[in-house]
Protein backbone atom coordinates (compact mmCIF):
# COMPACT_ATOMS: atom_id res chain seq x y z
CA MET A 1 78.55 104.47 67.73
CA HIS A 2 79.06 101.39 68.01
CA TYR A 3 82.69 99.42 69.33
CA ASP A 4 83.61 95.85 70.39
CA ILE A 5 85.07 97.74 73.67
CA ILE A 6 85.02 100.73 75.46
CA ILE A 7 87.45 102.16 78.16
CA ILE A 8 85.69 104.31 80.89
CA GLY A 9 89.19 105.67 82.57
CA ALA A 10 92.02 106.25 80.17
CA GLY A 11 94.63 106.49 82.99
CA SER A 12 97.63 104.18 83.69
CA MET A 13 95.02 100.83 83.17
CA GLY A 14 92.71 101.69 80.75
CA MET A 15 95.28 103.06 78.71
CA ALA A 16 97.21 100.36 78.06
CA ALA A 17 94.47 98.07 78.30
CA GLY A 18 93.36 100.24 75.33
CA TYR A 19 96.21 99.96 73.62
CA TYR A 20 96.36 95.87 73.83
CA LEU A 21 92.77 95.90 72.29
CA ALA A 22 93.46 97.72 69.51
CA LYS A 23 96.81 95.88 68.97
CA SER A 24 94.33 92.68 68.78
CA GLY A 25 92.43 94.41 65.83
CA LYS A 26 89.49 95.27 68.51
CA ASN A 27 87.31 98.36 67.58
CA THR A 28 88.22 99.87 71.07
CA LEU A 29 86.76 103.46 72.39
CA LEU A 30 88.54 105.12 75.05
CA LEU A 31 86.49 107.63 77.27
CA ASP A 32 88.11 110.30 79.99
CA ALA A 33 86.49 112.68 82.05
CA PHE A 34 89.83 114.41 81.53
CA ASP A 35 92.91 114.56 78.85
CA PRO A 36 95.29 111.92 79.88
CA PRO A 37 97.99 112.25 81.05
CA HIS A 38 96.70 114.87 83.61
CA THR A 39 96.82 115.93 86.92
CA GLU A 40 93.16 114.30 88.12
CA GLY A 41 94.38 111.18 89.34
CA SER A 42 97.18 108.59 90.69
CA HIS A 43 99.84 108.83 87.23
CA HIS A 44 100.94 112.27 87.52
CA GLY A 45 104.23 113.54 89.13
CA GLU A 46 106.82 112.35 86.84
CA THR A 47 107.72 109.34 88.44
CA ARG A 48 107.13 105.99 89.73
CA ILE A 49 109.21 103.39 91.71
CA ILE A 50 109.07 99.94 90.17
CA ARG A 51 110.62 96.76 92.50
CA TYR A 52 110.44 93.35 91.66
CA ALA A 53 111.28 92.14 95.02
CA TYR A 54 108.07 92.86 97.07
CA GLY A 55 107.60 93.69 100.39
CA GLU A 56 103.45 93.88 99.35
CA GLY A 57 103.69 90.02 99.11
CA GLU A 58 105.18 87.19 97.27
CA LYS A 59 102.05 86.64 95.20
CA TYR A 60 102.58 89.94 93.51
CA VAL A 61 106.11 89.14 92.10
CA PRO A 62 104.71 87.08 88.93
CA LEU A 63 102.32 89.70 87.59
CA LEU A 64 105.98 92.32 88.31
CA LEU A 65 108.07 90.59 86.26
CA GLN A 66 105.61 90.19 83.75
CA SER A 67 105.04 94.08 83.49
CA LYS A 68 108.86 94.72 83.61
CA LYS A 69 109.13 92.68 80.05
CA LEU A 70 105.70 94.34 79.04
CA TRP A 71 107.55 97.99 80.01
CA ALA A 72 110.73 97.18 78.29
CA GLU A 73 108.77 96.24 75.27
CA LEU A 74 106.89 99.39 75.16
CA GLU A 75 110.26 101.49 75.62
CA LYS A 76 111.25 99.61 72.09
CA GLU A 77 108.25 100.35 70.23
CA TRP A 78 107.78 104.02 71.57
CA GLY A 79 111.48 104.68 70.78
CA GLN A 80 112.03 106.96 74.14
CA THR A 81 113.11 106.22 77.66
CA LEU A 82 110.52 105.31 79.95
CA PHE A 83 112.67 103.20 82.58
CA THR A 84 115.77 104.37 84.35
CA LYS A 85 117.82 101.87 86.07
CA THR A 86 118.60 103.27 89.68
CA GLY A 87 118.29 100.85 91.78
CA VAL A 88 115.76 100.45 94.80
CA LEU A 89 117.03 100.48 98.47
CA THR A 90 114.32 99.05 100.73
CA LEU A 91 114.83 99.70 104.33
CA GLY A 92 113.69 99.01 107.60
CA PRO A 93 113.62 97.10 110.99
CA LYS A 94 115.06 93.43 110.45
CA ASP A 95 111.89 91.98 112.00
CA SER A 96 109.16 94.39 109.83
CA ARG A 97 106.53 91.98 107.43
CA PHE A 98 107.97 94.33 104.67
CA VAL A 99 111.67 93.38 104.79
CA GLN A 100 110.87 89.76 105.49
CA ASN A 101 108.80 90.13 102.19
CA VAL A 102 111.63 91.57 100.27
CA ILE A 103 113.91 88.95 100.90
CA SER A 104 111.81 86.15 101.13
CA SER A 105 110.14 86.66 97.68
CA ALA A 106 113.80 87.63 96.43
CA LYS A 107 115.32 84.16 97.12
CA THR A 108 112.22 82.62 95.90
CA TYR A 109 111.86 83.80 92.75
CA ASP A 110 115.74 84.36 92.32
CA LEU A 111 115.97 87.79 92.44
CA PRO A 112 119.64 90.06 92.69
CA LEU A 113 119.13 91.67 96.30
CA THR A 114 121.84 92.43 98.35
CA VAL A 115 120.88 92.79 102.18
CA MET A 116 122.61 95.48 104.14
CA THR A 117 123.62 96.69 107.62
CA ALA A 118 123.34 100.23 108.46
CA LYS A 119 126.68 100.44 108.40
CA GLU A 120 126.91 99.01 104.68
CA VAL A 121 124.30 101.31 103.72
CA ASN A 122 126.03 104.76 105.38
CA ALA A 123 128.72 103.67 103.27
CA LYS A 124 127.44 102.89 100.27
CA TRP A 125 125.50 105.94 99.73
CA LYS A 126 127.04 108.85 101.48
CA GLY A 127 123.98 110.72 101.21
CA ILE A 128 122.32 108.51 103.87
CA SER A 129 122.58 108.44 107.35
CA VAL A 130 120.61 105.74 109.21
CA ASN A 131 120.61 103.92 112.81
CA GLU A 132 122.34 100.98 113.34
CA HIS A 133 118.92 98.73 114.13
CA LEU A 134 117.95 99.37 110.18
CA THR A 135 118.39 96.88 107.39
CA GLY A 136 118.77 97.58 104.35
CA CYS A 137 117.64 95.60 100.90
CA PHE A 138 119.43 96.75 97.64
CA GLU A 139 117.75 95.27 94.08
CA PRO A 140 120.11 96.92 91.47
CA THR A 141 117.71 95.90 88.58
CA SER A 142 114.79 98.12 89.44
CA GLY A 143 113.92 101.69 89.13
CA VAL A 144 112.13 104.54 87.82
CA LEU A 145 109.22 104.28 85.13
CA HIS A 146 108.35 107.67 83.26
CA SER A 147 104.61 107.42 84.47
CA GLU A 148 103.23 110.05 81.96
CA ARG A 149 105.82 109.35 79.24
CA CYS A 150 103.95 105.77 79.77
CA ILE A 151 100.74 107.06 79.35
CA LYS A 152 101.91 109.16 76.23
CA ALA A 153 103.08 106.40 74.53
CA TYR A 154 100.64 104.10 74.95
CA ARG A 155 97.78 106.52 74.04
CA LYS A 156 99.88 107.32 70.67
CA LEU A 157 100.34 103.96 69.74
CA ALA A 158 97.36 102.47 70.86
CA GLU A 159 96.19 105.60 68.64
CA GLU A 160 98.16 104.27 65.66
CA GLU A 161 96.83 100.94 65.95
CA GLY A 162 92.86 102.43 65.78
CA ALA A 163 91.61 103.00 69.00
CA THR A 164 89.31 106.12 69.65
CA LEU A 165 89.92 108.27 72.89
CA LEU A 166 87.63 110.65 73.26
CA PRO A 167 88.78 113.24 75.99
CA TYR A 168 86.67 115.52 78.61
CA ARG A 169 83.36 112.68 78.40
CA LYS A 170 82.07 112.25 81.44
CA VAL A 171 79.95 109.24 82.05
CA ILE A 172 76.33 109.50 83.48
CA ASN A 173 75.03 106.27 83.01
CA LEU A 174 75.79 102.79 81.67
CA THR A 175 73.32 100.34 80.96
CA VAL A 176 74.68 96.59 81.23
CA SER A 177 72.91 92.94 79.39
CA GLU A 178 74.88 90.14 78.76
CA GLU A 179 74.64 91.21 75.17
CA GLN A 180 74.94 95.19 74.86
CA VAL A 181 76.95 97.90 76.92
CA THR A 182 75.37 101.28 76.06
CA VAL A 183 77.36 104.17 77.54
CA GLU A 184 75.63 107.74 77.48
CA THR A 185 77.45 110.70 78.38
CA ASP A 186 75.99 114.67 78.47
CA ASN A 187 75.64 114.58 75.01
CA GLU A 188 76.56 111.01 73.45
CA THR A 189 75.55 107.34 73.46
CA PHE A 190 78.11 104.66 72.92
CA THR A 191 77.60 100.71 72.63
CA SER A 192 79.54 98.04 72.67
CA GLU A 193 79.98 93.96 73.20
CA SER A 194 81.87 94.75 75.99
CA LEU A 195 82.93 97.07 78.61
CA ILE A 196 86.10 97.95 80.84
CA VAL A 197 85.51 100.06 83.76
CA SER A 198 89.38 101.85 85.29
CA GLY A 199 87.87 104.98 86.25
CA GLY A 200 90.56 105.29 89.36
CA ALA A 201 89.07 107.53 92.27
CA TYR A 202 86.04 108.17 90.49
CA SER A 203 85.19 104.29 90.57
CA ASN A 204 82.60 104.29 93.01
CA GLU A 205 80.18 106.17 91.10
CA LEU A 206 80.77 104.35 88.12
CA LEU A 207 80.08 100.92 89.99
CA SER A 208 77.00 101.93 91.53
CA MET A 209 75.93 102.31 88.16
CA LEU A 210 76.15 98.37 87.47
CA HIS A 211 75.09 97.69 90.98
CA LEU A 212 78.11 97.18 92.59
CA ASP A 213 78.86 98.62 96.18
CA LEU A 214 82.83 98.26 96.75
CA PRO A 215 84.74 99.40 99.84
CA LEU A 216 86.77 101.88 97.55
CA GLN A 217 87.92 105.13 99.35
CA PRO A 218 89.72 107.64 97.74
CA ILE A 219 92.30 109.60 99.91
CA ARG A 220 94.73 112.90 99.39
CA LYS A 221 98.13 112.39 99.31
CA THR A 222 101.34 114.65 99.17
CA PHE A 223 104.49 114.43 97.64
CA ALA A 224 107.64 116.93 97.03
CA TRP A 225 110.85 117.87 95.51
CA PHE A 226 113.24 118.91 97.31
CA ASN A 227 116.92 120.86 96.65
CA SER A 228 119.83 118.57 96.45
CA ASP A 229 123.91 118.33 96.17
CA GLU A 230 123.59 117.13 92.09
CA GLU A 231 126.82 115.56 92.69
CA ILE A 232 125.50 113.27 95.53
CA TYR A 233 122.03 112.55 94.59
CA ASN A 234 121.40 112.13 90.95
CA GLU A 235 120.43 109.18 89.39
CA ARG A 236 123.17 107.69 88.73
CA GLU A 237 124.90 107.98 92.51
CA PHE A 238 121.51 107.58 94.74
CA PRO A 239 118.85 105.35 94.61
CA ALA A 240 115.15 105.01 94.48
CA PHE A 241 114.01 104.15 98.17
CA GLY A 242 111.27 103.20 100.38
CA PHE A 243 111.84 103.49 103.93
CA GLU A 244 109.70 101.72 106.92
CA THR A 245 110.52 104.37 110.18
CA GLU A 246 108.65 104.57 113.15
CA GLU A 247 106.67 107.30 112.16
CA GLY A 248 105.30 106.02 108.85
CA MET A 249 106.21 104.60 105.44
CA TYR A 250 107.96 107.26 102.82
CA TYR A 251 109.60 106.83 99.33
CA GLY A 252 111.54 108.40 96.89
CA PHE A 253 113.74 109.32 94.13
CA PRO A 254 116.83 110.37 93.15
CA SER A 255 117.53 114.14 91.26
CA ILE A 256 116.72 113.08 87.52
CA ASN A 257 117.96 115.38 84.82
CA GLY A 258 118.76 117.88 88.31
CA ALA A 259 114.59 118.28 89.22
CA GLY A 260 115.90 117.63 92.86
CA LEU A 261 115.25 114.99 95.33
CA LYS A 262 111.66 113.37 95.35
CA VAL A 263 109.76 112.05 98.60
CA GLY A 264 106.33 111.28 99.91
CA ARG A 265 104.64 109.37 102.33
CA HIS A 266 102.87 106.46 101.58
CA ASP A 267 100.76 106.20 104.95
CA THR A 268 98.30 108.41 106.05
CA GLY A 269 96.19 110.97 104.66
CA HIS A 270 93.04 112.76 104.21
CA PRO A 271 89.62 111.15 102.70
CA VAL A 272 88.06 113.03 100.02
CA ASP A 273 85.15 113.23 97.33
CA PRO A 274 87.15 113.11 94.05
CA ASN A 275 84.60 115.41 93.05
CA ASP A 276 85.27 118.38 94.64
CA PRO A 277 88.72 120.75 94.22
CA LEU A 278 91.57 118.66 96.09
CA LYS A 279 93.81 121.44 98.47
CA GLU A 280 96.68 122.18 97.68
CA PHE A 281 99.81 121.42 98.60
CA SER A 282 100.63 122.99 102.01
CA ALA A 283 97.13 123.36 103.02
CA TYR A 284 97.61 121.52 106.10
CA LYS A 285 100.82 121.68 107.81
CA GLU A 286 101.88 118.03 108.40
CA ASP A 287 102.38 118.07 103.84
CA GLU A 288 105.64 119.71 104.21
CA GLN A 289 106.48 118.46 108.24
CA ASP A 290 106.07 115.07 107.61
CA LEU A 291 108.10 115.07 104.51
CA THR A 292 110.94 117.19 106.29
CA ASN A 293 111.24 115.61 109.08
CA PHE A 294 111.84 112.14 107.65
CA LEU A 295 114.51 114.09 105.18
CA LYS A 296 116.22 115.34 108.18
CA GLN A 297 116.06 112.43 110.06
CA PHE A 298 117.73 110.26 107.00
CA ILE A 299 118.52 112.36 104.48
CA VAL A 300 122.33 113.91 105.36
CA GLN A 301 121.53 117.22 103.42
CA GLU A 302 119.28 119.98 105.28
CA PRO A 303 115.99 119.85 103.54
CA SER A 304 115.30 122.91 101.20
CA LEU A 305 111.51 122.55 99.47
CA LYS A 306 111.04 123.25 96.17
CA TYR A 307 107.91 122.76 95.11
CA GLY A 308 105.19 119.86 96.35
CA LYS A 309 102.04 118.43 94.62
CA THR A 310 98.69 116.56 95.42
CA CYS A 311 97.20 113.54 94.21
CA MET A 312 94.87 110.85 94.73
CA TYR A 313 95.35 106.83 96.18
CA THR A 314 91.82 104.67 95.97
CA MET A 315 92.40 102.46 99.25
CA THR A 316 90.44 99.24 99.33
CA PRO A 317 90.97 97.21 103.27
CA ASP A 318 93.73 95.35 102.80
CA GLU A 319 94.97 97.17 100.38
CA ASP A 320 95.37 94.81 97.45
CA PHE A 321 93.74 95.57 94.07
CA ILE A 322 90.63 94.48 92.12
CA VAL A 323 90.99 93.49 88.93
CA ASP A 324 88.24 91.03 88.35
CA SER A 325 84.86 90.92 86.40
CA HIS A 326 81.44 92.00 86.92
CA PRO A 327 80.06 89.30 88.92
CA ASN A 328 76.17 89.04 86.77
CA TYR A 329 77.87 90.39 83.11
CA PRO A 330 81.09 88.62 82.36
CA ASN A 331 81.30 91.26 79.40
CA VAL A 332 82.46 93.75 82.05
CA ALA A 333 85.88 93.77 83.51
CA ILE A 334 86.72 96.25 86.38
CA ALA A 335 90.12 97.64 87.66
CA ALA A 336 89.95 99.65 90.74
CA GLY A 337 91.66 100.12 94.17
CA PHE A 338 95.39 100.33 93.57
CA SER A 339 96.17 101.82 96.53
CA GLY A 340 99.20 103.76 96.20
CA HIS A 341 100.84 100.80 94.64
CA GLY A 342 99.25 100.04 91.30
CA PHE A 343 101.09 101.92 88.33
CA LYS A 344 104.35 99.63 87.65
CA PHE A 345 101.63 97.10 87.34
CA SER A 346 99.70 98.77 84.70
CA SER A 347 101.37 97.37 81.54
CA ALA A 348 100.40 94.08 82.98
CA ILE A 349 97.05 94.38 83.87
CA GLY A 350 95.98 96.43 80.49
CA LYS A 351 97.09 93.69 78.58
CA ALA A 352 95.03 91.19 81.89
CA LEU A 353 92.35 93.57 81.00
CA SER A 354 92.02 93.31 77.26
CA GLU A 355 92.16 88.87 77.74
CA LEU A 356 89.41 89.10 80.12
CA VAL A 357 86.94 91.21 77.73
CA THR A 358 88.26 89.52 74.89
CA LYS A 359 88.68 85.77 75.71
CA GLY A 360 86.80 85.87 79.25
CA GLU A 361 90.15 84.63 81.01
CA THR A 362 93.65 85.17 81.13
CA GLU A 363 97.31 83.90 81.46
CA GLN A 364 97.87 86.12 84.32
CA ASP A 365 97.04 84.90 88.26
CA LEU A 366 94.55 87.31 88.77
CA SER A 367 92.97 85.26 91.97
CA LEU A 368 94.73 87.63 94.57
CA PHE A 369 92.56 90.79 93.10
CA SER A 370 89.11 88.89 93.01
CA LEU A 371 85.92 90.97 94.06
CA GLU A 372 84.98 87.63 95.78
CA ARG A 373 87.13 88.23 98.98
CA PHE A 374 84.81 91.28 100.59
CA GLU A 375 82.69 89.80 102.98
CA LYS A 376 80.40 92.65 103.04
CA LYS A 377 80.26 93.53 99.07
CA LYS A 378 76.91 93.69 98.19
CA LEU A 379 74.88 93.70 95.03
CA VAL A 380 72.34 96.93 95.31
């Protein structure tokens, strides 16, 4: 069958792009190797933090503010809660680049942010205990996206707008020219004028079919929920957080609807082949140990594990995203390498991808995510 646009990978970015394309009247096909939302990518686990004063750099802030606007529009159209305003506490050494980026981006874009001493942090949240050499940055308007609900919302609304989603379709071959794209699965062939590739951890094998060899490395990540005192750690009293410690970068969520305190480690992880089964939580000693050690140091309550899960990050060398058109085929857009901090942007990136393949350009500044920044990029 023939479509205007085919999207390979209907996770966070792909599903959002499918919605915006279908809403604009494009005959859109989404193909996914699984049935989204699912546990084989990077969008499961119930929740993701969204923050606007951004430790990863000021250049992200305009895209974050656009994402915030689009999430609010989606929530209104969907009619169910997609965002919970818990506030986000960033904590680390005062002179750390991450903390300084949070402070400077808040000043540049006039974002509400309270810079706090360790003593003030400990006084405000009795569930936290931090050392005096650390600085806190509290952003009250940020909070938590309900990630799987977001995917469900984009999926249902995209299908209502006329998009076709075919799950359990593994792409085995791609042929591209400036006029047409041909996509082959195990027993079907589809054609279109344009293509979006948003394959997550599976991006390498898909992009190799487009003669691209990019520095993308999937890694295994873990996160877990811990039993918590609901009076202290519930989502009305306790913030989502990101802590830069001497041991590494950690993030966490309050207990939302009694689920327990959720914690993960952002740095470290084991490189994996996404086609191999992902080892379960506790396969490595550090899966639980890293998280309990963090909680013992910074969280007042003695940690008691409820359960843990695994997911995959797909890393670029600089941990910035790849969102760009193919260097040889302007009718092909690529979204990959979201390096563990991409979900919050998926509303805006999905819309930007839809504009790239329909207009050849987007209102969003994507220069930070260009393919050209990789000096060792090669076309094979």
